[in-house]
Amino acid sequence: MSLFVIIGPQAVGKMTVGKKLEETIDAKLLFNHQTIDLFATYLGYNHYSFALSDRTRKELFQAFVANKEHNPTASIIFTVLIAFDLKEDVEFLQEISRIFLNAKEAVYFIELEANLETRLKRNVEESRLLAKPSKRDINFSKSELLDTHKQHRLNSFPNEIQQQFPDVNYLHINNTELSSGEVVEKILEKWQNL
């Protein structure tokens, strides 16, 4: 039983890679907008929705670890944007990792990085718009992507994750020129026992 966390900025391809990985290993995907959009439907995109989303994710992970013998899947693939300059984002990553590590289960971080031009193109891809209602307002989505890119550090520094998360398996992939299938090949190459 494992937790796979796919980290990276908006429109880097986290969900697409997560779906491809889900086809390859015994795991189910939870992409970040599944919980955010659920609460935003009723509350809008505000701190209430994000707090409820985070709490729901943590409770799901705790129940998954507690229900190990009966889960219909061996692992969870979770996608999330982390602003490495925000203490609360890094703490959230630590909390969800600890849930699995304390249960003696493996945690894998796959960090994706792509240049801004590529991310802007991916931001309007049909699969993204179909899965994420909040991204269908293209002008707002583009503006949010550019603002977040300017305001926050959305990829880690070299060795930062290894230092802060020594018990987590880690792989950094620049997927600017890679398909989701090629990214998954790199993941399976790195961790051949998945």
N, C-alpha and C. Protein backbone atom coordinates (compact mmCIF):
# COMPACT_ATOMS: atom_id res chain seq x y z
N MET A 1 0.85 -1.18 0.00
CA MET A 1 0.00 0.00 0.00
C MET A 1 0.88 1.24 0.00
N SER A 2 0.56 2.21 -0.85
CA SER A 2 1.41 3.38 -1.00
C SER A 2 0.59 4.63 -1.29
N LEU A 3 1.23 5.77 -1.07
CA LEU A 3 0.70 7.06 -1.49
C LEU A 3 1.66 7.64 -2.52
N PHE A 4 1.13 7.94 -3.69
CA PHE A 4 1.90 8.62 -4.74
C PHE A 4 1.39 10.05 -4.81
N VAL A 5 2.27 11.01 -4.61
CA VAL A 5 1.88 12.41 -4.66
C VAL A 5 2.56 13.04 -5.88
N ILE A 6 1.74 13.50 -6.82
CA ILE A 6 2.27 14.17 -8.00
C ILE A 6 2.15 15.67 -7.76
N ILE A 7 3.32 16.30 -7.71
CA ILE A 7 3.44 17.71 -7.33
C ILE A 7 3.86 18.52 -8.55
N GLY A 8 3.39 19.76 -8.62
CA GLY A 8 3.84 20.64 -9.69
C GLY A 8 2.90 21.80 -9.86
N PRO A 9 3.31 22.80 -10.65
CA PRO A 9 2.48 23.98 -10.86
C PRO A 9 1.25 23.69 -11.71
N GLN A 10 0.38 24.69 -11.84
CA GLN A 10 -0.84 24.52 -12.64
C GLN A 10 -0.48 24.13 -14.07
N ALA A 11 -1.28 23.23 -14.62
CA ALA A 11 -1.20 22.84 -16.04
C ALA A 11 0.13 22.20 -16.41
N VAL A 12 0.83 21.66 -15.43
CA VAL A 12 2.08 20.96 -15.75
C VAL A 12 1.80 19.54 -16.24
N GLY A 13 0.61 19.02 -15.94
CA GLY A 13 0.23 17.68 -16.39
C GLY A 13 0.05 16.67 -15.27
N LYS A 14 -0.19 17.15 -14.05
CA LYS A 14 -0.31 16.24 -12.90
C LYS A 14 -1.45 15.24 -13.08
N MET A 15 -2.63 15.75 -13.43
CA MET A 15 -3.78 14.86 -13.57
C MET A 15 -3.59 13.88 -14.72
N THR A 16 -3.06 14.36 -15.84
CA THR A 16 -2.85 13.50 -17.01
C THR A 16 -1.86 12.38 -16.69
N VAL A 17 -0.78 12.72 -16.01
CA VAL A 17 0.20 11.70 -15.60
C VAL A 17 -0.44 10.76 -14.58
N GLY A 18 -1.21 11.32 -13.65
CA GLY A 18 -1.89 10.49 -12.65
C GLY A 18 -2.83 9.48 -13.29
N LYS A 19 -3.57 9.90 -14.31
CA LYS A 19 -4.48 8.97 -15.01
C LYS A 19 -3.70 7.87 -15.71
N LYS A 20 -2.59 8.22 -16.33
CA LYS A 20 -1.77 7.23 -17.03
C LYS A 20 -1.13 6.26 -16.02
N LEU A 21 -0.67 6.78 -14.88
CA LEU A 21 -0.09 5.92 -13.85
C LEU A 21 -1.15 4.99 -13.27
N GLU A 22 -2.37 5.50 -13.12
CA GLU A 22 -3.49 4.71 -12.61
C GLU A 22 -3.76 3.49 -13.50
N GLU A 23 -3.53 3.65 -14.79
CA GLU A 23 -3.74 2.54 -15.74
C GLU A 23 -2.64 1.48 -15.62
N THR A 24 -1.54 1.83 -14.99
CA THR A 24 -0.34 1.00 -15.01
C THR A 24 -0.12 0.23 -13.71
N ILE A 25 -0.54 0.81 -12.58
CA ILE A 25 -0.32 0.17 -11.28
C ILE A 25 -1.66 0.00 -10.58
N ASP A 26 -1.67 -0.74 -9.48
CA ASP A 26 -2.89 -0.96 -8.70
C ASP A 26 -3.13 0.25 -7.80
N ALA A 27 -3.75 1.27 -8.37
CA ALA A 27 -3.96 2.52 -7.65
C ALA A 27 -5.15 3.26 -8.23
N LYS A 28 -5.73 4.14 -7.41
CA LYS A 28 -6.81 5.01 -7.85
C LYS A 28 -6.36 6.46 -7.70
N LEU A 29 -6.77 7.28 -8.67
CA LEU A 29 -6.38 8.68 -8.70
C LEU A 29 -7.37 9.57 -7.95
N LEU A 30 -6.83 10.47 -7.15
CA LEU A 30 -7.58 11.57 -6.56
C LEU A 30 -6.87 12.84 -6.99
N PHE A 31 -7.43 13.54 -7.98
CA PHE A 31 -6.77 14.79 -8.37
C PHE A 31 -7.37 15.94 -7.57
N ASN A 32 -6.54 16.95 -7.33
CA ASN A 32 -6.87 17.97 -6.33
C ASN A 32 -8.22 18.65 -6.55
N HIS A 33 -8.64 18.82 -7.80
CA HIS A 33 -9.90 19.53 -8.03
C HIS A 33 -11.13 18.70 -7.70
N GLN A 34 -10.98 17.41 -7.55
CA GLN A 34 -12.16 16.60 -7.20
C GLN A 34 -12.75 17.03 -5.87
N THR A 35 -11.91 17.32 -4.91
CA THR A 35 -12.44 17.76 -3.61
C THR A 35 -12.68 19.27 -3.59
N ILE A 36 -11.78 20.05 -4.18
CA ILE A 36 -11.97 21.51 -4.19
C ILE A 36 -13.27 21.88 -4.88
N ASP A 37 -13.50 21.32 -6.07
CA ASP A 37 -14.69 21.68 -6.84
C ASP A 37 -15.97 21.23 -6.15
N LEU A 38 -15.90 20.12 -5.43
CA LEU A 38 -17.09 19.65 -4.70
C LEU A 38 -17.58 20.73 -3.74
N PHE A 39 -16.68 21.26 -2.92
CA PHE A 39 -17.09 22.26 -1.93
C PHE A 39 -17.32 23.63 -2.56
N ALA A 40 -16.56 23.95 -3.60
CA ALA A 40 -16.73 25.25 -4.27
C ALA A 40 -18.09 25.37 -4.96
N THR A 41 -18.67 24.24 -5.33
CA THR A 41 -20.02 24.25 -5.93
C THR A 41 -21.02 24.94 -5.00
N TYR A 42 -20.82 24.77 -3.69
CA TYR A 42 -21.75 25.31 -2.70
C TYR A 42 -21.23 26.57 -2.02
N LEU A 43 -19.90 26.72 -1.94
CA LEU A 43 -19.32 27.80 -1.15
C LEU A 43 -18.51 28.81 -1.95
N GLY A 44 -18.23 28.48 -3.22
CA GLY A 44 -17.33 29.31 -4.00
C GLY A 44 -15.88 28.93 -3.71
N TYR A 45 -14.97 29.53 -4.43
CA TYR A 45 -13.54 29.24 -4.24
C TYR A 45 -12.98 30.19 -3.19
N ASN A 46 -13.04 29.75 -1.94
CA ASN A 46 -12.58 30.58 -0.83
C ASN A 46 -11.92 29.70 0.23
N HIS A 47 -11.54 30.30 1.34
CA HIS A 47 -10.80 29.55 2.37
C HIS A 47 -11.65 28.43 2.98
N TYR A 48 -12.97 28.57 2.99
CA TYR A 48 -13.82 27.50 3.51
C TYR A 48 -13.72 26.25 2.64
N SER A 49 -13.82 26.45 1.34
CA SER A 49 -13.73 25.31 0.41
C SER A 49 -12.38 24.62 0.49
N PHE A 50 -11.31 25.42 0.55
CA PHE A 50 -9.97 24.83 0.60
C PHE A 50 -9.72 24.11 1.93
N ALA A 51 -10.22 24.66 3.02
CA ALA A 51 -10.06 24.01 4.33
C ALA A 51 -10.83 22.69 4.37
N LEU A 52 -12.06 22.70 3.88
CA LEU A 52 -12.85 21.46 3.85
C LEU A 52 -12.21 20.42 2.92
N SER A 53 -11.69 20.88 1.81
CA SER A 53 -11.02 19.98 0.87
C SER A 53 -9.81 19.31 1.52
N ASP A 54 -8.98 20.10 2.19
CA ASP A 54 -7.79 19.54 2.85
C ASP A 54 -8.18 18.54 3.94
N ARG A 55 -9.19 18.90 4.72
CA ARG A 55 -9.63 18.01 5.80
C ARG A 55 -10.17 16.69 5.23
N THR A 56 -10.94 16.78 4.16
CA THR A 56 -11.50 15.58 3.52
C THR A 56 -10.39 14.67 3.00
N ARG A 57 -9.39 15.26 2.37
CA ARG A 57 -8.28 14.46 1.86
C ARG A 57 -7.56 13.72 2.99
N LYS A 58 -7.26 14.45 4.06
CA LYS A 58 -6.56 13.83 5.19
C LYS A 58 -7.39 12.69 5.80
N GLU A 59 -8.69 12.93 5.94
CA GLU A 59 -9.55 11.88 6.51
C GLU A 59 -9.63 10.67 5.58
N LEU A 60 -9.67 10.91 4.29
CA LEU A 60 -9.65 9.80 3.34
C LEU A 60 -8.36 8.99 3.49
N PHE A 61 -7.23 9.67 3.56
CA PHE A 61 -5.95 8.97 3.69
C PHE A 61 -5.88 8.18 5.00
N GLN A 62 -6.38 8.76 6.07
CA GLN A 62 -6.38 8.05 7.37
C GLN A 62 -7.27 6.81 7.30
N ALA A 63 -8.42 6.94 6.68
CA ALA A 63 -9.33 5.79 6.55
C ALA A 63 -8.71 4.73 5.63
N PHE A 64 -8.03 5.16 4.59
CA PHE A 64 -7.40 4.23 3.65
C PHE A 64 -6.35 3.38 4.36
N VAL A 65 -5.54 4.02 5.19
CA VAL A 65 -4.50 3.31 5.94
C VAL A 65 -5.14 2.37 6.97
N ALA A 66 -6.20 2.82 7.63
CA ALA A 66 -6.86 2.01 8.66
C ALA A 66 -7.61 0.83 8.06
N ASN A 67 -8.03 0.93 6.81
CA ASN A 67 -8.86 -0.07 6.15
C ASN A 67 -8.05 -0.95 5.17
N LYS A 68 -6.78 -1.02 5.41
CA LYS A 68 -5.84 -1.64 4.47
C LYS A 68 -6.32 -2.97 3.88
N GLU A 69 -6.81 -3.86 4.71
CA GLU A 69 -7.20 -5.20 4.25
C GLU A 69 -8.42 -5.20 3.32
N HIS A 70 -9.21 -4.14 3.35
CA HIS A 70 -10.48 -4.13 2.63
C HIS A 70 -10.54 -3.12 1.48
N ASN A 71 -9.50 -2.32 1.31
CA ASN A 71 -9.51 -1.33 0.23
C ASN A 71 -9.55 -2.01 -1.14
N PRO A 72 -10.32 -1.48 -2.06
CA PRO A 72 -10.39 -2.09 -3.39
C PRO A 72 -9.17 -1.78 -4.26
N THR A 73 -8.27 -0.98 -3.76
CA THR A 73 -7.04 -0.64 -4.49
C THR A 73 -5.87 -0.61 -3.52
N ALA A 74 -4.69 -0.88 -4.03
CA ALA A 74 -3.51 -0.95 -3.16
C ALA A 74 -2.96 0.43 -2.80
N SER A 75 -3.17 1.41 -3.68
CA SER A 75 -2.53 2.71 -3.48
C SER A 75 -3.43 3.85 -3.93
N ILE A 76 -3.06 5.05 -3.48
CA ILE A 76 -3.72 6.28 -3.92
C ILE A 76 -2.69 7.12 -4.66
N ILE A 77 -3.11 7.66 -5.79
CA ILE A 77 -2.32 8.66 -6.51
C ILE A 77 -3.03 9.99 -6.27
N PHE A 78 -2.31 10.94 -5.72
CA PHE A 78 -2.89 12.23 -5.36
C PHE A 78 -2.12 13.35 -6.04
N THR A 79 -2.82 14.28 -6.68
CA THR A 79 -2.15 15.41 -7.31
C THR A 79 -2.41 16.67 -6.50
N VAL A 80 -1.36 17.51 -6.41
CA VAL A 80 -1.50 18.73 -5.62
C VAL A 80 -0.48 19.78 -6.06
N LEU A 81 -0.91 21.02 -6.01
CA LEU A 81 0.00 22.14 -6.22
C LEU A 81 0.55 22.55 -4.87
N ILE A 82 1.85 22.63 -4.77
CA ILE A 82 2.50 23.06 -3.53
C ILE A 82 3.28 24.33 -3.81
N ALA A 83 2.99 25.39 -3.05
CA ALA A 83 3.83 26.59 -3.09
C ALA A 83 4.91 26.38 -2.04
N PHE A 84 6.13 26.13 -2.48
CA PHE A 84 7.20 25.80 -1.55
C PHE A 84 7.62 26.99 -0.69
N ASP A 85 7.16 28.18 -1.03
CA ASP A 85 7.43 29.37 -0.21
C ASP A 85 6.38 29.56 0.87
N LEU A 86 5.33 28.73 0.88
CA LEU A 86 4.29 28.84 1.90
C LEU A 86 4.41 27.71 2.91
N LYS A 87 4.62 28.08 4.14
CA LYS A 87 4.81 27.10 5.22
C LYS A 87 3.63 26.12 5.31
N GLU A 88 2.40 26.64 5.16
CA GLU A 88 1.22 25.78 5.31
C GLU A 88 1.14 24.72 4.21
N ASP A 89 1.62 25.04 3.01
CA ASP A 89 1.61 24.05 1.93
C ASP A 89 2.58 22.91 2.22
N VAL A 90 3.77 23.27 2.69
CA VAL A 90 4.78 22.26 3.02
C VAL A 90 4.30 21.43 4.20
N GLU A 91 3.66 22.06 5.18
CA GLU A 91 3.13 21.33 6.34
C GLU A 91 2.04 20.35 5.92
N PHE A 92 1.20 20.74 4.96
CA PHE A 92 0.17 19.83 4.45
C PHE A 92 0.82 18.59 3.84
N LEU A 93 1.86 18.80 3.07
CA LEU A 93 2.60 17.69 2.46
C LEU A 93 3.20 16.79 3.53
N GLN A 94 3.71 17.39 4.59
CA GLN A 94 4.28 16.60 5.70
C GLN A 94 3.19 15.80 6.41
N GLU A 95 2.04 16.42 6.62
CA GLU A 95 0.94 15.73 7.32
C GLU A 95 0.44 14.52 6.54
N ILE A 96 0.22 14.69 5.24
CA ILE A 96 -0.32 13.56 4.48
C ILE A 96 0.73 12.45 4.34
N SER A 97 1.99 12.83 4.26
CA SER A 97 3.06 11.82 4.19
C SER A 97 3.12 11.02 5.48
N ARG A 98 3.00 11.74 6.60
CA ARG A 98 3.10 11.11 7.91
C ARG A 98 2.01 10.06 8.12
N ILE A 99 0.83 10.30 7.57
CA ILE A 99 -0.27 9.34 7.72
C ILE A 99 0.17 7.97 7.21
N PHE A 100 0.82 7.95 6.05
CA PHE A 100 1.26 6.68 5.46
C PHE A 100 2.56 6.18 6.11
N LEU A 101 3.50 7.07 6.34
CA LEU A 101 4.78 6.65 6.91
C LEU A 101 4.60 6.09 8.32
N ASN A 102 3.71 6.69 9.11
CA ASN A 102 3.46 6.18 10.47
C ASN A 102 2.83 4.79 10.44
N ALA A 103 2.16 4.47 9.34
CA ALA A 103 1.58 3.14 9.18
C ALA A 103 2.55 2.18 8.47
N LYS A 104 3.80 2.63 8.34
CA LYS A 104 4.87 1.82 7.69
C LYS A 104 4.57 1.54 6.23
N GLU A 105 3.95 2.53 5.57
CA GLU A 105 3.64 2.42 4.16
C GLU A 105 4.49 3.40 3.36
N ALA A 106 4.75 3.07 2.12
CA ALA A 106 5.64 3.87 1.29
C ALA A 106 4.95 5.13 0.76
N VAL A 107 5.74 6.18 0.64
CA VAL A 107 5.27 7.43 0.05
C VAL A 107 6.23 7.80 -1.08
N TYR A 108 5.65 8.15 -2.22
CA TYR A 108 6.43 8.53 -3.40
C TYR A 108 6.02 9.93 -3.82
N PHE A 109 6.99 10.82 -3.99
CA PHE A 109 6.72 12.15 -4.55
C PHE A 109 7.26 12.16 -5.97
N ILE A 110 6.41 12.55 -6.90
CA ILE A 110 6.81 12.74 -8.30
C ILE A 110 6.59 14.22 -8.58
N GLU A 111 7.66 14.96 -8.74
CA GLU A 111 7.56 16.39 -8.99
C GLU A 111 7.74 16.66 -10.47
N LEU A 112 6.74 17.31 -11.05
CA LEU A 112 6.78 17.65 -12.47
C LEU A 112 7.12 19.13 -12.64
N GLU A 113 7.86 19.39 -13.70
CA GLU A 113 8.23 20.76 -14.02
C GLU A 113 8.17 20.94 -15.53
N ALA A 114 7.61 22.05 -15.97
CA ALA A 114 7.57 22.37 -17.41
C ALA A 114 7.65 23.88 -17.56
N ASN A 115 8.12 24.33 -18.70
CA ASN A 115 8.25 25.77 -18.89
C ASN A 115 6.88 26.43 -19.00
N LEU A 116 6.84 27.74 -18.82
CA LEU A 116 5.59 28.48 -18.77
C LEU A 116 4.82 28.38 -20.09
N GLU A 117 5.52 28.46 -21.20
CA GLU A 117 4.86 28.37 -22.51
C GLU A 117 4.09 27.07 -22.66
N THR A 118 4.71 25.97 -22.27
CA THR A 118 4.06 24.65 -22.35
C THR A 118 2.86 24.59 -21.42
N ARG A 119 3.00 25.12 -20.23
CA ARG A 119 1.89 25.10 -19.27
C ARG A 119 0.70 25.93 -19.75
N LEU A 120 0.97 27.05 -20.40
CA LEU A 120 -0.12 27.86 -20.93
C LEU A 120 -0.87 27.12 -22.03
N LYS A 121 -0.16 26.35 -22.84
CA LYS A 121 -0.81 25.53 -23.87
C LYS A 121 -1.65 24.43 -23.23
N ARG A 122 -1.08 23.77 -22.24
CA ARG A 122 -1.80 22.68 -21.57
C ARG A 122 -3.00 23.18 -20.78
N ASN A 123 -2.97 24.43 -20.38
CA ASN A 123 -4.05 25.01 -19.57
C ASN A 123 -5.39 25.01 -20.30
N VAL A 124 -5.36 24.96 -21.63
CA VAL A 124 -6.60 25.01 -22.39
C VAL A 124 -6.92 23.69 -23.09
N GLU A 125 -6.19 22.62 -22.73
CA GLU A 125 -6.48 21.32 -23.34
C GLU A 125 -7.85 20.81 -22.90
N GLU A 126 -8.52 20.14 -23.81
CA GLU A 126 -9.90 19.70 -23.57
C GLU A 126 -10.04 18.81 -22.33
N SER A 127 -9.10 17.88 -22.12
CA SER A 127 -9.21 16.97 -20.98
C SER A 127 -9.17 17.74 -19.66
N ARG A 128 -8.37 18.80 -19.62
CA ARG A 128 -8.28 19.63 -18.40
C ARG A 128 -9.60 20.37 -18.17
N LEU A 129 -10.13 20.94 -19.22
CA LEU A 129 -11.37 21.72 -19.09
C LEU A 129 -12.56 20.83 -18.74
N LEU A 130 -12.59 19.62 -19.27
CA LEU A 130 -13.68 18.70 -18.95
C LEU A 130 -13.64 18.27 -17.49
N ALA A 131 -12.45 18.06 -16.95
CA ALA A 131 -12.32 17.54 -15.59
C ALA A 131 -12.38 18.61 -14.52
N LYS A 132 -12.11 19.86 -14.89
CA LYS A 132 -11.96 20.92 -13.89
C LYS A 132 -12.84 22.13 -14.24
N PRO A 133 -14.05 22.18 -13.69
CA PRO A 133 -14.98 23.27 -14.03
C PRO A 133 -14.40 24.67 -13.84
N SER A 134 -13.57 24.85 -12.81
CA SER A 134 -13.04 26.19 -12.52
C SER A 134 -12.07 26.67 -13.60
N LYS A 135 -11.58 25.79 -14.44
CA LYS A 135 -10.62 26.17 -15.48
C LYS A 135 -11.30 26.54 -16.79
N ARG A 136 -12.62 26.40 -16.86
CA ARG A 136 -13.34 26.65 -18.11
C ARG A 136 -13.46 28.13 -18.45
N ASP A 137 -13.30 28.99 -17.44
CA ASP A 137 -13.20 30.42 -17.71
C ASP A 137 -11.73 30.66 -18.08
N ILE A 138 -11.44 30.61 -19.37
CA ILE A 138 -10.06 30.59 -19.86
C ILE A 138 -9.29 31.83 -19.44
N ASN A 139 -9.90 33.00 -19.52
CA ASN A 139 -9.19 34.23 -19.15
C ASN A 139 -8.82 34.23 -17.67
N PHE A 140 -9.77 33.82 -16.83
CA PHE A 140 -9.49 33.76 -15.39
C PHE A 140 -8.40 32.72 -15.11
N SER A 141 -8.54 31.56 -15.73
CA SER A 141 -7.58 30.47 -15.50
C SER A 141 -6.17 30.88 -15.91
N LYS A 142 -6.05 31.54 -17.06
CA LYS A 142 -4.74 32.00 -17.52
C LYS A 142 -4.17 33.04 -16.57
N SER A 143 -5.01 33.96 -16.15
CA SER A 143 -4.57 35.01 -15.23
C SER A 143 -4.11 34.41 -13.89
N GLU A 144 -4.89 33.43 -13.39
CA GLU A 144 -4.53 32.77 -12.13
C GLU A 144 -3.19 32.03 -12.27
N LEU A 145 -3.01 31.35 -13.39
CA LEU A 145 -1.76 30.63 -13.65
C LEU A 145 -0.58 31.59 -13.65
N LEU A 146 -0.72 32.70 -14.36
CA LEU A 146 0.39 33.68 -14.46
C LEU A 146 0.66 34.35 -13.11
N ASP A 147 -0.40 34.69 -12.39
CA ASP A 147 -0.23 35.34 -11.08
C ASP A 147 0.47 34.40 -10.10
N THR A 148 0.03 33.15 -10.06
CA THR A 148 0.64 32.18 -9.15
C THR A 148 2.09 31.92 -9.52
N HIS A 149 2.36 31.88 -10.82
CA HIS A 149 3.73 31.70 -11.32
C HIS A 149 4.64 32.83 -10.82
N LYS A 150 4.12 34.05 -10.81
CA LYS A 150 4.92 35.21 -10.37
C LYS A 150 5.06 35.28 -8.85
N GLN A 151 4.00 34.92 -8.16
CA GLN A 151 3.95 35.15 -6.71
C GLN A 151 4.56 34.04 -5.87
N HIS A 152 4.61 32.81 -6.41
CA HIS A 152 5.03 31.68 -5.58
C HIS A 152 6.08 30.81 -6.26
N ARG A 153 6.77 30.04 -5.47
CA ARG A 153 7.76 29.08 -5.97
C ARG A 153 7.08 27.72 -6.02
N LEU A 154 6.74 27.29 -7.23
CA LEU A 154 5.91 26.11 -7.42
C LEU A 154 6.70 24.84 -7.71
N ASN A 155 8.01 24.95 -7.77
CA ASN A 155 8.89 23.78 -7.85
C ASN A 155 9.94 23.91 -6.76
N SER A 156 10.40 22.78 -6.29
CA SER A 156 11.38 22.78 -5.20
C SER A 156 12.77 23.14 -5.70
N PHE A 157 13.61 23.57 -4.77
CA PHE A 157 15.03 23.76 -5.07
C PHE A 157 15.70 22.39 -5.14
N PRO A 158 16.85 22.28 -5.81
CA PRO A 158 17.58 21.00 -5.80
C PRO A 158 17.84 20.53 -4.36
N ASN A 159 17.56 19.27 -4.10
CA ASN A 159 17.77 18.60 -2.80
C ASN A 159 16.84 19.07 -1.68
N GLU A 160 15.95 20.01 -1.95
CA GLU A 160 15.06 20.52 -0.90
C GLU A 160 14.13 19.42 -0.38
N ILE A 161 13.52 18.69 -1.28
CA ILE A 161 12.58 17.65 -0.85
C ILE A 161 13.32 16.54 -0.12
N GLN A 162 14.48 16.13 -0.64
CA GLN A 162 15.23 15.05 0.02
C GLN A 162 15.62 15.45 1.44
N GLN A 163 15.92 16.73 1.66
CA GLN A 163 16.28 17.19 3.00
C GLN A 163 15.07 17.28 3.92
N GLN A 164 13.95 17.77 3.41
CA GLN A 164 12.76 17.94 4.25
C GLN A 164 11.96 16.66 4.42
N PHE A 165 12.10 15.74 3.47
CA PHE A 165 11.32 14.50 3.49
C PHE A 165 12.26 13.30 3.28
N PRO A 166 13.15 13.04 4.23
CA PRO A 166 14.15 11.99 4.02
C PRO A 166 13.58 10.58 3.89
N ASP A 167 12.37 10.35 4.38
CA ASP A 167 11.77 9.01 4.33
C ASP A 167 10.87 8.79 3.12
N VAL A 168 10.81 9.78 2.24
CA VAL A 168 9.94 9.72 1.07
C VAL A 168 10.78 9.42 -0.16
N ASN A 169 10.27 8.56 -1.03
CA ASN A 169 10.90 8.29 -2.32
C ASN A 169 10.60 9.47 -3.24
N TYR A 170 11.60 9.95 -3.97
CA TYR A 170 11.42 11.19 -4.72
C TYR A 170 11.98 11.10 -6.13
N LEU A 171 11.23 11.67 -7.08
CA LEU A 171 11.68 11.74 -8.46
C LEU A 171 11.24 13.07 -9.05
N HIS A 172 12.18 13.79 -9.65
CA HIS A 172 11.89 15.06 -10.32
C HIS A 172 11.95 14.81 -11.83
N ILE A 173 10.93 15.25 -12.56
CA ILE A 173 10.89 15.06 -14.01
C ILE A 173 10.51 16.38 -14.68
N ASN A 174 11.36 16.83 -15.59
CA ASN A 174 10.97 17.95 -16.44
C ASN A 174 10.20 17.34 -17.62
N ASN A 175 8.91 17.60 -17.65
CA ASN A 175 8.06 16.97 -18.67
C ASN A 175 7.62 17.96 -19.75
N THR A 176 8.42 18.99 -19.96
CA THR A 176 8.10 19.97 -21.00
C THR A 176 7.92 19.28 -22.35
N GLU A 177 8.80 18.34 -22.66
CA GLU A 177 8.78 17.68 -23.97
C GLU A 177 8.28 16.23 -23.90
N LEU A 178 7.76 15.82 -22.74
CA LEU A 178 7.39 14.42 -22.56
C LEU A 178 5.88 14.22 -22.54
N SER A 179 5.43 13.12 -23.11
CA SER A 179 4.03 12.73 -22.99
C SER A 179 3.80 12.12 -21.61
N SER A 180 2.55 11.97 -21.24
CA SER A 180 2.25 11.35 -19.94
C SER A 180 2.77 9.91 -19.91
N GLY A 181 2.69 9.21 -21.04
CA GLY A 181 3.20 7.84 -21.10
C GLY A 181 4.71 7.79 -20.87
N GLU A 182 5.43 8.76 -21.42
CA GLU A 182 6.89 8.80 -21.23
C GLU A 182 7.24 9.12 -19.78
N VAL A 183 6.44 9.96 -19.15
CA VAL A 183 6.66 10.27 -17.73
C VAL A 183 6.46 9.01 -16.89
N VAL A 184 5.39 8.28 -17.17
CA VAL A 184 5.13 7.05 -16.42
C VAL A 184 6.24 6.03 -16.64
N GLU A 185 6.76 5.95 -17.84
CA GLU A 185 7.91 5.07 -18.10
C GLU A 185 9.08 5.41 -17.20
N LYS A 186 9.33 6.70 -17.02
CA LYS A 186 10.43 7.13 -16.14
C LYS A 186 10.15 6.75 -14.68
N ILE A 187 8.90 6.86 -14.28
CA ILE A 187 8.52 6.48 -12.91
C ILE A 187 8.76 4.99 -12.70
N LEU A 188 8.31 4.18 -13.65
CA LEU A 188 8.47 2.73 -13.53
C LEU A 188 9.93 2.31 -13.64
N GLU A 189 10.72 3.07 -14.37
CA GLU A 189 12.16 2.81 -14.47
C GLU A 189 12.82 3.05 -13.12
N LYS A 190 12.42 4.15 -12.46
CA LYS A 190 13.00 4.52 -11.17
C LYS A 190 12.61 3.52 -10.08
N TRP A 191 11.34 3.14 -10.05
CA TRP A 191 10.83 2.25 -9.00
C TRP A 191 10.26 1.01 -9.69
N GLN A 192 11.10 0.04 -9.94
CA GLN A 192 10.71 -1.12 -10.74
C GLN A 192 9.79 -2.09 -10.02
N ASN A 193 9.64 -1.93 -8.72
CA ASN A 193 8.82 -2.90 -7.95
C ASN A 193 7.38 -2.42 -7.75
N LEU A 194 6.94 -1.40 -8.50
CA LEU A 194 5.58 -0.87 -8.28
C LEU A 194 4.51 -1.84 -8.75
